[in-house]
Amino acid sequence: QVQLVESGGGLVQAGDSLRLSCAASGRTFSIYAMGWFRQAPGKEREFVAAISYSGGVTYYADSVKGRFTISRDNAKNTVYLQMNSLKAEDTAVYYCAAARSYSDVVRRGGDAMDYWGKGTLVTVSS
């Protein structure tokens, strides 16, 4: 079992930056690929970014490519999402999730994830 707790959400203005963190506990964090997902009001959950268990490979949704950066610190059991140049359409609840297979995350998105956090709200005002 892996427990995931997101933090760092808040209210920001368009163009601002924000860094989300996701702290993991339980089973060995470093064996899991990690992903960030988001769900805007009235919309379905969507994939944002993923990172391999070692941190050496990353993958992004086109909508955030060049603005968001996913990273991880396995010594701290934490994955991060640095969000720059935020837009109003980035407003959503952001979730981190863990999966045993990075390639599965890239191929199947949220369906590949084994564990989920409860989310943190990011609101971007225009």
C-alpha atoms as a PDB file:
ATOM      1  CA  GLN A   1       0.000   0.000   0.000  1.00  0.00           C
ATOM      2  CA  VAL A   2       1.176   3.518  -0.822  1.00  0.00           C
ATOM      3  CA  GLN A   3      -0.286   6.641   0.733  1.00  0.00           C
ATOM      4  CA  LEU A   4      -0.013   9.869  -1.251  1.00  0.00           C
ATOM      5  CA  VAL A   5      -0.620  13.369   0.081  1.00  0.00           C
ATOM      6  CA  GLU A   6      -0.569  16.391  -2.220  1.00  0.00           C
ATOM      7  CA  SER A   7       0.171  19.945  -1.114  1.00  0.00           C
ATOM      8  CA  GLY A   8       1.005  23.331  -2.569  1.00  0.00           C
ATOM      9  CA  GLY A   9      -2.245  24.244  -4.232  1.00  0.00           C
ATOM     10  CA  GLY A  10      -3.768  27.678  -3.940  1.00  0.00           C
ATOM     11  CA  LEU A  11      -5.097  30.763  -5.664  1.00  0.00           C
ATOM     12  CA  VAL A  12      -2.754  32.490  -8.092  1.00  0.00           C
ATOM     13  CA  GLN A  13      -3.033  34.911 -10.975  1.00  0.00           C
ATOM     14  CA  ALA A  14      -2.524  34.070 -14.623  1.00  0.00           C
ATOM     15  CA  GLY A  15       1.176  34.066 -15.460  1.00  0.00           C
ATOM     16  CA  ASP A  16       2.230  33.095 -11.944  1.00  0.00           C
ATOM     17  CA  SER A  17       4.055  29.948 -10.888  1.00  0.00           C
ATOM     18  CA  LEU A  18       3.206  27.289  -8.340  1.00  0.00           C
ATOM     19  CA  ARG A  19       4.917  24.109  -7.180  1.00  0.00           C
ATOM     20  CA  LEU A  20       2.911  21.116  -6.084  1.00  0.00           C
ATOM     21  CA  SER A  21       4.367  18.390  -3.910  1.00  0.00           C
ATOM     22  CA  CYS A  22       3.228  14.842  -3.342  1.00  0.00           C
ATOM     23  CA  ALA A  23       4.612  12.995  -0.330  1.00  0.00           C
ATOM     24  CA  ALA A  24       4.500   9.220  -0.381  1.00  0.00           C
ATOM     25  CA  SER A  25       4.593   6.753   2.464  1.00  0.00           C
ATOM     26  CA  GLY A  26       4.217   3.022   2.726  1.00  0.00           C
ATOM     27  CA  ARG A  27       5.879   0.761   0.209  1.00  0.00           C
ATOM     28  CA  THR A  28       9.169   1.664  -1.428  1.00  0.00           C
ATOM     29  CA  PHE A  29       8.530   4.874  -3.312  1.00  0.00           C
ATOM     30  CA  SER A  30      11.380   4.474  -5.754  1.00  0.00           C
ATOM     31  CA  ILE A  31       9.882   1.433  -7.477  1.00  0.00           C
ATOM     32  CA  TYR A  32       6.851   3.354  -8.650  1.00  0.00           C
ATOM     33  CA  ALA A  33       6.355   5.558 -11.655  1.00  0.00           C
ATOM     34  CA  MET A  34       4.481   8.676 -10.664  1.00  0.00           C
ATOM     35  CA  GLY A  35       1.963  10.802 -12.429  1.00  0.00           C
ATOM     36  CA  TRP A  36       0.051  14.017 -12.019  1.00  0.00           C
ATOM     37  CA  PHE A  37      -3.537  14.294 -13.176  1.00  0.00           C
ATOM     38  CA  ARG A  38      -6.125  17.028 -12.912  1.00  0.00           C
ATOM     39  CA  GLN A  39      -9.859  17.440 -12.979  1.00  0.00           C
ATOM     40  CA  ALA A  40     -11.492  20.749 -13.731  1.00  0.00           C
ATOM     41  CA  PRO A  41     -15.066  21.496 -12.642  1.00  0.00           C
ATOM     42  CA  GLY A  42     -17.520  19.705 -14.887  1.00  0.00           C
ATOM     43  CA  LYS A  43     -14.787  17.943 -16.841  1.00  0.00           C
ATOM     44  CA  GLU A  44     -13.254  14.515 -16.855  1.00  0.00           C
ATOM     45  CA  ARG A  45      -9.934  13.786 -15.205  1.00  0.00           C
ATOM     46  CA  GLU A  46      -6.996  14.286 -17.540  1.00  0.00           C
ATOM     47  CA  PHE A  47      -3.366  13.293 -17.595  1.00  0.00           C
ATOM     48  CA  VAL A  48      -0.809  16.035 -16.921  1.00  0.00           C
ATOM     49  CA  ALA A  49       2.645  14.499 -16.524  1.00  0.00           C
ATOM     50  CA  ALA A  50       4.474  11.306 -15.641  1.00  0.00           C
ATOM     51  CA  ILE A  51       7.948  10.389 -14.454  1.00  0.00           C
ATOM     52  CA  SER A  52       9.737   7.067 -14.403  1.00  0.00           C
ATOM     53  CA  TYR A  53      10.784   5.423 -11.140  1.00  0.00           C
ATOM     54  CA  SER A  54      14.352   6.715 -11.497  1.00  0.00           C
ATOM     55  CA  GLY A  55      13.312  10.162 -12.645  1.00  0.00           C
ATOM     56  CA  GLY A  56      15.218   9.765 -15.878  1.00  0.00           C
ATOM     57  CA  VAL A  57      12.252   9.826 -18.222  1.00  0.00           C
ATOM     58  CA  THR A  58       9.314  12.196 -18.266  1.00  0.00           C
ATOM     59  CA  TYR A  59       6.189  12.630 -20.370  1.00  0.00           C
ATOM     60  CA  TYR A  60       3.745  15.538 -20.611  1.00  0.00           C
ATOM     61  CA  ALA A  61       0.358  16.351 -21.957  1.00  0.00           C
ATOM     62  CA  ASP A  62       0.558  18.748 -24.896  1.00  0.00           C
ATOM     63  CA  SER A  63      -1.444  21.323 -22.961  1.00  0.00           C
ATOM     64  CA  VAL A  64       1.297  21.739 -20.338  1.00  0.00           C
ATOM     65  CA  LYS A  65       4.451  20.922 -22.303  1.00  0.00           C
ATOM     66  CA  GLY A  66       7.020  23.674 -21.914  1.00  0.00           C
ATOM     67  CA  ARG A  67       5.242  25.176 -18.889  1.00  0.00           C
ATOM     68  CA  PHE A  68       5.134  22.337 -16.342  1.00  0.00           C
ATOM     69  CA  THR A  69       8.003  20.211 -15.062  1.00  0.00           C
ATOM     70  CA  ILE A  70       7.651  16.971 -13.137  1.00  0.00           C
ATOM     71  CA  SER A  71      10.500  15.812 -10.918  1.00  0.00           C
ATOM     72  CA  ARG A  72      11.068  13.507  -7.993  1.00  0.00           C
ATOM     73  CA  ASP A  73      13.354  13.087  -5.025  1.00  0.00           C
ATOM     74  CA  ASN A  74      13.420   9.433  -4.063  1.00  0.00           C
ATOM     75  CA  ALA A  75      15.418  10.185  -0.910  1.00  0.00           C
ATOM     76  CA  LYS A  76      12.501  12.324   0.267  1.00  0.00           C
ATOM     77  CA  ASN A  77       9.751  10.096  -1.158  1.00  0.00           C
ATOM     78  CA  THR A  78       8.354  13.115  -2.936  1.00  0.00           C
ATOM     79  CA  VAL A  79       7.307  14.016  -6.456  1.00  0.00           C
ATOM     80  CA  TYR A  80       6.891  17.606  -7.597  1.00  0.00           C
ATOM     81  CA  LEU A  81       5.054  19.486 -10.289  1.00  0.00           C
ATOM     82  CA  GLN A  82       6.505  22.892 -11.091  1.00  0.00           C
ATOM     83  CA  MET A  83       3.882  24.930 -12.914  1.00  0.00           C
ATOM     84  CA  ASN A  84       4.914  28.108 -14.695  1.00  0.00           C
ATOM     85  CA  SER A  85       3.002  30.577 -16.845  1.00  0.00           C
ATOM     86  CA  LEU A  86      -0.252  29.401 -15.365  1.00  0.00           C
ATOM     87  CA  LYS A  87      -3.448  29.988 -17.288  1.00  0.00           C
ATOM     88  CA  ALA A  88      -7.066  30.148 -16.188  1.00  0.00           C
ATOM     89  CA  GLU A  89      -7.650  26.816 -17.938  1.00  0.00           C
ATOM     90  CA  ASP A  90      -5.151  25.178 -15.572  1.00  0.00           C
ATOM     91  CA  THR A  91      -7.683  25.602 -12.765  1.00  0.00           C
ATOM     92  CA  ALA A  92      -8.429  22.136 -11.404  1.00  0.00           C
ATOM     93  CA  VAL A  93      -7.957  19.720  -8.579  1.00  0.00           C
ATOM     94  CA  TYR A  94      -4.544  18.143  -9.082  1.00  0.00           C
ATOM     95  CA  TYR A  95      -3.939  14.557  -8.087  1.00  0.00           C
ATOM     96  CA  CYS A  96      -0.743  12.568  -7.851  1.00  0.00           C
ATOM     97  CA  ALA A  97      -0.789   8.847  -8.428  1.00  0.00           C
ATOM     98  CA  ALA A  98       1.589   5.878  -8.426  1.00  0.00           C
ATOM     99  CA  ALA A  99       1.935   2.987 -10.833  1.00  0.00           C
ATOM    100  CA  ARG A 100       4.239  -0.012 -11.160  1.00  0.00           C
ATOM    101  CA  SER A 101       4.867   0.542 -14.869  1.00  0.00           C
ATOM    102  CA  TYR A 102       5.911   3.836 -16.460  1.00  0.00           C
ATOM    103  CA  SER A 103       5.136   2.562 -19.949  1.00  0.00           C
ATOM    104  CA  ASP A 104       1.638   1.682 -18.794  1.00  0.00           C
ATOM    105  CA  VAL A 105       1.132   5.213 -17.514  1.00  0.00           C
ATOM    106  CA  VAL A 106       2.127   6.653 -20.880  1.00  0.00           C
ATOM    107  CA  ARG A 107      -0.094   4.192 -22.723  1.00  0.00           C
ATOM    108  CA  ARG A 108      -3.142   4.057 -20.447  1.00  0.00           C
ATOM    109  CA  GLY A 109      -3.004   7.194 -18.316  1.00  0.00           C
ATOM    110  CA  GLY A 110      -5.134   7.128 -15.189  1.00  0.00           C
ATOM    111  CA  ASP A 111      -6.241   3.534 -15.778  1.00  0.00           C
ATOM    112  CA  ALA A 112      -2.671   2.402 -15.112  1.00  0.00           C
ATOM    113  CA  MET A 113      -2.417   3.975 -11.687  1.00  0.00           C
ATOM    114  CA  ASP A 114      -2.506   1.825  -8.560  1.00  0.00           C
ATOM    115  CA  TYR A 115      -2.665   4.494  -5.859  1.00  0.00           C
ATOM    116  CA  TRP A 116      -4.108   7.997  -5.734  1.00  0.00           C
ATOM    117  CA  GLY A 117      -3.888  10.989  -3.460  1.00  0.00           C
ATOM    118  CA  LYS A 118      -6.898  13.070  -2.482  1.00  0.00           C
ATOM    119  CA  GLY A 119      -5.891  16.084  -4.519  1.00  0.00           C
ATOM    120  CA  THR A 120      -5.021  19.728  -4.065  1.00  0.00           C
ATOM    121  CA  LEU A 121      -6.948  22.617  -5.622  1.00  0.00           C
ATOM    122  CA  VAL A 122      -5.250  25.055  -7.960  1.00  0.00           C
ATOM    123  CA  THR A 123      -7.209  28.124  -8.948  1.00  0.00           C
ATOM    124  CA  VAL A 124      -5.823  30.516 -11.547  1.00  0.00           C
ATOM    125  CA  SER A 125      -7.569  33.848 -11.870  1.00  0.00           C
ATOM    126  CA  SER A 126      -7.418  35.692 -15.164  1.00  0.00           C
END
